[in-house]
Amino acid sequence: MAVGVGSRGIDQLEIIVRTVCARLRQAGARPAIIPAMGSHGGATARPGGVLQRLNVTEASCGAPVVSSMAVEQIGTVFGEVPVYFSCDALAMEHSIAINRIKPHTNSSARPRAGS
């Protein structure tokens, strides 16, 4: 079970991830934490990074952190913007996202009308 974890200002993130992983284990799943957009820390697969600084680790959450950075395009948004998904997560039977959606700090784009 892939547990995608973002790092965009989620209060008490470690507790949330630890609880989700514990509940998944209770249900018989084998959760693995997949760093989501922004949480890789410098966009590399190296150990550590943003999630480690937020104490979201295998030791604190009871699930391995799997971060290969390999992605696959799974579709498009608005028929033109590619959508990518972690190959590690695609290899698992199910995925759960723990994230907060907000505009990127470097983005000046505005949502399209009707979107």
N, C-alpha and C. Protein backbone atom coordinates (compact mmCIF):
# COMPACT_ATOMS: atom_id res chain seq x y z
N MET A 1 0.85 -1.17 0.00
CA MET A 1 0.00 0.00 0.00
C MET A 1 0.89 1.23 0.00
N ALA A 2 0.80 2.03 -1.04
CA ALA A 2 1.58 3.26 -1.12
C ALA A 2 0.90 4.34 -0.30
N VAL A 3 1.68 5.00 0.54
CA VAL A 3 1.18 6.15 1.32
C VAL A 3 1.97 7.35 0.84
N GLY A 4 1.40 8.10 -0.09
CA GLY A 4 2.06 9.29 -0.61
C GLY A 4 2.00 10.39 0.42
N VAL A 5 3.16 10.96 0.76
CA VAL A 5 3.22 11.97 1.82
C VAL A 5 3.84 13.24 1.27
N GLY A 6 3.05 14.30 1.28
CA GLY A 6 3.52 15.63 0.89
C GLY A 6 4.03 16.37 2.11
N SER A 7 4.63 17.53 1.87
CA SER A 7 5.23 18.25 2.99
C SER A 7 4.78 19.70 3.05
N ARG A 8 3.72 20.04 2.40
CA ARG A 8 3.32 21.43 2.27
C ARG A 8 2.51 21.95 3.45
N GLY A 9 3.15 22.07 4.60
CA GLY A 9 2.53 22.73 5.73
C GLY A 9 1.41 21.97 6.41
N ILE A 10 1.49 20.67 6.46
CA ILE A 10 0.47 19.87 7.13
C ILE A 10 0.84 19.79 8.62
N ASP A 11 -0.04 20.28 9.48
CA ASP A 11 0.19 20.26 10.91
C ASP A 11 0.20 18.83 11.43
N GLN A 12 1.14 18.50 12.29
CA GLN A 12 1.25 17.19 12.93
C GLN A 12 1.36 16.04 11.91
N LEU A 13 2.14 16.29 10.87
CA LEU A 13 2.29 15.32 9.78
C LEU A 13 2.78 13.96 10.28
N GLU A 14 3.78 13.95 11.15
CA GLU A 14 4.30 12.68 11.65
C GLU A 14 3.20 11.84 12.30
N ILE A 15 2.38 12.44 13.12
CA ILE A 15 1.30 11.72 13.81
C ILE A 15 0.29 11.18 12.80
N ILE A 16 -0.04 11.98 11.79
CA ILE A 16 -0.99 11.55 10.77
C ILE A 16 -0.44 10.33 10.02
N VAL A 17 0.81 10.43 9.56
CA VAL A 17 1.40 9.33 8.79
C VAL A 17 1.54 8.08 9.67
N ARG A 18 2.01 8.25 10.89
CA ARG A 18 2.15 7.11 11.81
C ARG A 18 0.80 6.42 12.03
N THR A 19 -0.26 7.20 12.22
CA THR A 19 -1.59 6.64 12.47
C THR A 19 -2.13 5.93 11.23
N VAL A 20 -1.97 6.55 10.06
CA VAL A 20 -2.43 5.91 8.82
C VAL A 20 -1.70 4.58 8.61
N CYS A 21 -0.38 4.57 8.79
CA CYS A 21 0.41 3.34 8.62
C CYS A 21 -0.01 2.26 9.62
N ALA A 22 -0.25 2.67 10.87
CA ALA A 22 -0.67 1.70 11.90
C ALA A 22 -2.02 1.09 11.55
N ARG A 23 -2.95 1.92 11.12
CA ARG A 23 -4.29 1.40 10.75
C ARG A 23 -4.20 0.47 9.54
N LEU A 24 -3.36 0.81 8.58
CA LEU A 24 -3.19 -0.06 7.42
C LEU A 24 -2.61 -1.41 7.83
N ARG A 25 -1.61 -1.40 8.74
CA ARG A 25 -1.05 -2.66 9.22
C ARG A 25 -2.11 -3.48 9.96
N GLN A 26 -2.95 -2.81 10.77
CA GLN A 26 -4.03 -3.51 11.48
C GLN A 26 -4.99 -4.18 10.50
N ALA A 27 -5.15 -3.58 9.32
CA ALA A 27 -6.05 -4.14 8.30
C ALA A 27 -5.35 -5.20 7.44
N GLY A 28 -4.08 -5.47 7.75
CA GLY A 28 -3.35 -6.51 7.01
C GLY A 28 -2.53 -6.00 5.85
N ALA A 29 -2.47 -4.70 5.66
CA ALA A 29 -1.68 -4.13 4.55
C ALA A 29 -0.23 -3.95 4.98
N ARG A 30 0.63 -3.77 3.99
CA ARG A 30 2.04 -3.46 4.23
C ARG A 30 2.32 -2.08 3.64
N PRO A 31 2.16 -1.03 4.45
CA PRO A 31 2.34 0.32 3.92
C PRO A 31 3.80 0.65 3.63
N ALA A 32 3.99 1.49 2.64
CA ALA A 32 5.30 2.05 2.31
C ALA A 32 5.09 3.53 2.04
N ILE A 33 5.93 4.37 2.63
CA ILE A 33 5.82 5.81 2.47
C ILE A 33 6.50 6.21 1.17
N ILE A 34 5.75 6.94 0.33
CA ILE A 34 6.27 7.44 -0.94
C ILE A 34 6.32 8.96 -0.84
N PRO A 35 7.51 9.59 -0.86
CA PRO A 35 7.57 11.05 -0.82
C PRO A 35 6.83 11.63 -2.02
N ALA A 36 5.91 12.54 -1.74
CA ALA A 36 5.13 13.19 -2.80
C ALA A 36 5.78 14.51 -3.18
N MET A 37 5.22 15.18 -4.15
CA MET A 37 5.80 16.41 -4.68
C MET A 37 6.28 17.35 -3.58
N GLY A 38 7.52 17.76 -3.69
CA GLY A 38 8.08 18.72 -2.76
C GLY A 38 8.78 18.09 -1.58
N SER A 39 8.44 16.86 -1.24
CA SER A 39 8.99 16.29 -0.01
C SER A 39 10.28 15.52 -0.24
N HIS A 40 10.75 15.45 -1.47
CA HIS A 40 12.02 14.76 -1.74
C HIS A 40 13.20 15.58 -1.25
N GLY A 41 13.06 16.86 -1.17
CA GLY A 41 14.16 17.72 -0.72
C GLY A 41 15.20 17.87 -1.80
N GLY A 42 15.02 18.85 -2.66
CA GLY A 42 15.97 19.08 -3.74
C GLY A 42 15.72 18.17 -4.93
N ALA A 43 14.58 17.50 -4.95
CA ALA A 43 14.18 16.63 -6.06
C ALA A 43 15.23 15.55 -6.35
N THR A 44 15.69 14.89 -5.31
CA THR A 44 16.59 13.75 -5.47
C THR A 44 16.03 12.59 -4.67
N ALA A 45 16.47 11.40 -4.98
CA ALA A 45 16.00 10.21 -4.26
C ALA A 45 16.86 9.90 -3.05
N ARG A 46 17.77 10.77 -2.71
CA ARG A 46 18.68 10.50 -1.58
C ARG A 46 17.90 10.33 -0.29
N PRO A 47 18.43 9.53 0.62
CA PRO A 47 17.78 9.38 1.92
C PRO A 47 17.76 10.71 2.66
N GLY A 48 16.80 10.88 3.49
CA GLY A 48 16.71 12.11 4.26
C GLY A 48 15.76 13.08 3.60
N GLY A 49 16.21 14.28 3.45
CA GLY A 49 15.39 15.28 2.81
C GLY A 49 14.31 15.83 3.72
N VAL A 50 13.31 16.40 3.11
CA VAL A 50 12.26 17.11 3.84
C VAL A 50 11.51 16.20 4.79
N LEU A 51 11.10 15.02 4.35
CA LEU A 51 10.33 14.14 5.24
C LEU A 51 11.12 13.77 6.48
N GLN A 52 12.40 13.52 6.34
CA GLN A 52 13.22 13.19 7.51
C GLN A 52 13.28 14.37 8.48
N ARG A 53 13.40 15.58 7.95
CA ARG A 53 13.41 16.76 8.81
C ARG A 53 12.07 16.93 9.53
N LEU A 54 10.99 16.40 8.95
CA LEU A 54 9.66 16.45 9.58
C LEU A 54 9.41 15.22 10.44
N ASN A 55 10.44 14.38 10.62
CA ASN A 55 10.40 13.14 11.40
C ASN A 55 9.43 12.11 10.83
N VAL A 56 9.23 12.12 9.53
CA VAL A 56 8.46 11.08 8.85
C VAL A 56 9.50 10.10 8.31
N THR A 57 9.79 9.08 9.13
CA THR A 57 10.83 8.10 8.81
C THR A 57 10.28 6.70 9.04
N GLU A 58 11.04 5.71 8.58
CA GLU A 58 10.64 4.32 8.85
C GLU A 58 10.56 4.08 10.34
N ALA A 59 11.51 4.60 11.10
CA ALA A 59 11.53 4.38 12.56
C ALA A 59 10.33 5.03 13.25
N SER A 60 9.95 6.24 12.82
CA SER A 60 8.87 6.94 13.52
C SER A 60 7.49 6.49 13.07
N CYS A 61 7.38 5.97 11.85
CA CYS A 61 6.05 5.64 11.29
C CYS A 61 5.84 4.15 11.07
N GLY A 62 6.88 3.35 11.21
CA GLY A 62 6.73 1.91 11.06
C GLY A 62 6.50 1.42 9.65
N ALA A 63 7.00 2.19 8.68
CA ALA A 63 6.87 1.80 7.27
C ALA A 63 8.11 2.29 6.52
N PRO A 64 8.60 1.49 5.57
CA PRO A 64 9.77 1.93 4.82
C PRO A 64 9.45 3.15 3.96
N VAL A 65 10.46 4.00 3.74
CA VAL A 65 10.34 5.13 2.83
C VAL A 65 10.95 4.69 1.51
N VAL A 66 10.15 4.69 0.45
CA VAL A 66 10.57 4.23 -0.87
C VAL A 66 10.58 5.43 -1.81
N SER A 67 11.76 5.78 -2.32
CA SER A 67 11.88 7.02 -3.10
C SER A 67 12.85 6.86 -4.25
N SER A 68 12.38 6.31 -5.34
CA SER A 68 13.28 6.13 -6.48
C SER A 68 13.26 7.32 -7.43
N MET A 69 12.25 8.18 -7.34
CA MET A 69 12.06 9.32 -8.22
C MET A 69 11.59 8.92 -9.62
N ALA A 70 11.46 7.63 -9.91
CA ALA A 70 10.97 7.20 -11.22
C ALA A 70 9.47 7.45 -11.29
N VAL A 71 9.02 8.04 -12.40
CA VAL A 71 7.60 8.33 -12.59
C VAL A 71 7.14 7.85 -13.96
N GLU A 72 5.83 7.73 -14.09
CA GLU A 72 5.22 7.35 -15.36
C GLU A 72 4.08 8.31 -15.63
N GLN A 73 3.96 8.76 -16.88
CA GLN A 73 2.83 9.62 -17.22
C GLN A 73 1.58 8.75 -17.29
N ILE A 74 0.55 9.15 -16.54
CA ILE A 74 -0.68 8.35 -16.49
C ILE A 74 -1.86 9.04 -17.15
N GLY A 75 -1.65 10.22 -17.68
CA GLY A 75 -2.73 10.94 -18.35
C GLY A 75 -2.39 12.40 -18.48
N THR A 76 -3.44 13.20 -18.75
CA THR A 76 -3.28 14.64 -18.87
C THR A 76 -4.45 15.34 -18.18
N VAL A 77 -4.24 16.59 -17.84
CA VAL A 77 -5.28 17.45 -17.31
C VAL A 77 -5.56 18.51 -18.36
N PHE A 78 -6.80 18.83 -18.56
CA PHE A 78 -7.21 19.79 -19.58
C PHE A 78 -6.74 19.35 -20.97
N GLY A 79 -6.49 18.06 -21.14
CA GLY A 79 -6.08 17.53 -22.42
C GLY A 79 -4.68 17.89 -22.86
N GLU A 80 -3.92 18.58 -21.99
CA GLU A 80 -2.59 19.01 -22.43
C GLU A 80 -1.51 18.93 -21.35
N VAL A 81 -1.86 19.09 -20.10
CA VAL A 81 -0.87 19.11 -19.02
C VAL A 81 -0.64 17.67 -18.55
N PRO A 82 0.59 17.15 -18.69
CA PRO A 82 0.84 15.75 -18.30
C PRO A 82 0.69 15.54 -16.80
N VAL A 83 0.17 14.37 -16.44
CA VAL A 83 0.04 13.96 -15.04
C VAL A 83 0.97 12.77 -14.83
N TYR A 84 1.85 12.87 -13.84
CA TYR A 84 2.80 11.82 -13.55
C TYR A 84 2.49 11.18 -12.21
N PHE A 85 2.87 9.90 -12.06
CA PHE A 85 2.63 9.16 -10.82
C PHE A 85 3.86 8.32 -10.54
N SER A 86 4.19 8.16 -9.30
CA SER A 86 5.36 7.39 -8.88
C SER A 86 5.29 5.95 -9.39
N CYS A 87 6.38 5.49 -9.99
CA CYS A 87 6.45 4.09 -10.43
C CYS A 87 6.41 3.16 -9.22
N ASP A 88 7.02 3.57 -8.10
CA ASP A 88 6.96 2.76 -6.88
C ASP A 88 5.51 2.59 -6.43
N ALA A 89 4.74 3.67 -6.45
CA ALA A 89 3.33 3.59 -6.04
C ALA A 89 2.51 2.78 -7.05
N LEU A 90 2.79 2.93 -8.34
CA LEU A 90 2.06 2.17 -9.36
C LEU A 90 2.28 0.67 -9.21
N ALA A 91 3.42 0.28 -8.67
CA ALA A 91 3.73 -1.14 -8.50
C ALA A 91 2.97 -1.75 -7.32
N MET A 92 2.37 -0.91 -6.49
CA MET A 92 1.62 -1.39 -5.33
C MET A 92 0.14 -1.49 -5.69
N GLU A 93 -0.60 -2.27 -4.91
CA GLU A 93 -2.01 -2.49 -5.23
C GLU A 93 -2.89 -1.27 -5.02
N HIS A 94 -2.58 -0.46 -4.02
CA HIS A 94 -3.41 0.69 -3.70
C HIS A 94 -2.52 1.86 -3.30
N SER A 95 -3.10 3.07 -3.38
CA SER A 95 -2.38 4.28 -2.97
C SER A 95 -3.31 5.17 -2.16
N ILE A 96 -2.73 5.80 -1.15
CA ILE A 96 -3.41 6.80 -0.34
C ILE A 96 -2.52 8.04 -0.37
N ALA A 97 -3.14 9.21 -0.53
CA ALA A 97 -2.37 10.46 -0.51
C ALA A 97 -2.66 11.24 0.76
N ILE A 98 -1.59 11.62 1.43
CA ILE A 98 -1.68 12.53 2.58
C ILE A 98 -1.02 13.81 2.09
N ASN A 99 -1.84 14.77 1.74
CA ASN A 99 -1.28 15.99 1.16
C ASN A 99 -2.19 17.17 1.37
N ARG A 100 -1.65 18.31 1.05
CA ARG A 100 -2.39 19.56 1.07
C ARG A 100 -2.15 20.19 -0.29
N ILE A 101 -3.20 20.64 -0.91
CA ILE A 101 -3.07 21.23 -2.25
C ILE A 101 -3.09 22.74 -2.12
N LYS A 102 -2.05 23.37 -2.65
CA LYS A 102 -1.97 24.83 -2.70
C LYS A 102 -1.07 25.20 -3.86
N PRO A 103 -1.17 26.42 -4.33
CA PRO A 103 -0.29 26.82 -5.44
C PRO A 103 1.17 26.74 -5.02
N HIS A 104 2.02 26.41 -5.97
CA HIS A 104 3.45 26.36 -5.72
C HIS A 104 3.94 27.77 -5.41
N THR A 105 4.92 27.86 -4.55
CA THR A 105 5.42 29.17 -4.14
C THR A 105 6.01 29.96 -5.31
N ASN A 106 6.46 29.29 -6.37
CA ASN A 106 7.03 29.97 -7.53
C ASN A 106 6.02 30.15 -8.65
N SER A 107 4.76 29.79 -8.43
CA SER A 107 3.76 29.80 -9.48
C SER A 107 2.97 31.10 -9.49
N SER A 108 2.74 31.62 -10.67
CA SER A 108 1.86 32.77 -10.83
C SER A 108 0.62 32.38 -11.60
N ALA A 109 0.49 31.08 -11.93
CA ALA A 109 -0.65 30.60 -12.71
C ALA A 109 -1.93 30.70 -11.89
N ARG A 110 -3.00 30.95 -12.56
CA ARG A 110 -4.32 31.02 -11.93
C ARG A 110 -5.18 29.88 -12.48
N PRO A 111 -6.08 29.30 -11.65
CA PRO A 111 -6.96 28.24 -12.15
C PRO A 111 -7.79 28.75 -13.31
N ARG A 112 -8.07 27.86 -14.26
CA ARG A 112 -8.92 28.20 -15.39
C ARG A 112 -10.38 28.26 -14.96
N ALA A 113 -11.13 29.08 -15.60
CA ALA A 113 -12.56 29.18 -15.31
C ALA A 113 -13.20 27.82 -15.53
N GLY A 114 -14.04 27.40 -14.58
CA GLY A 114 -14.74 26.12 -14.71
C GLY A 114 -13.91 24.93 -14.30
N SER A 115 -12.69 25.13 -13.79
CA SER A 115 -11.86 23.99 -13.40
C SER A 115 -11.92 23.76 -11.93
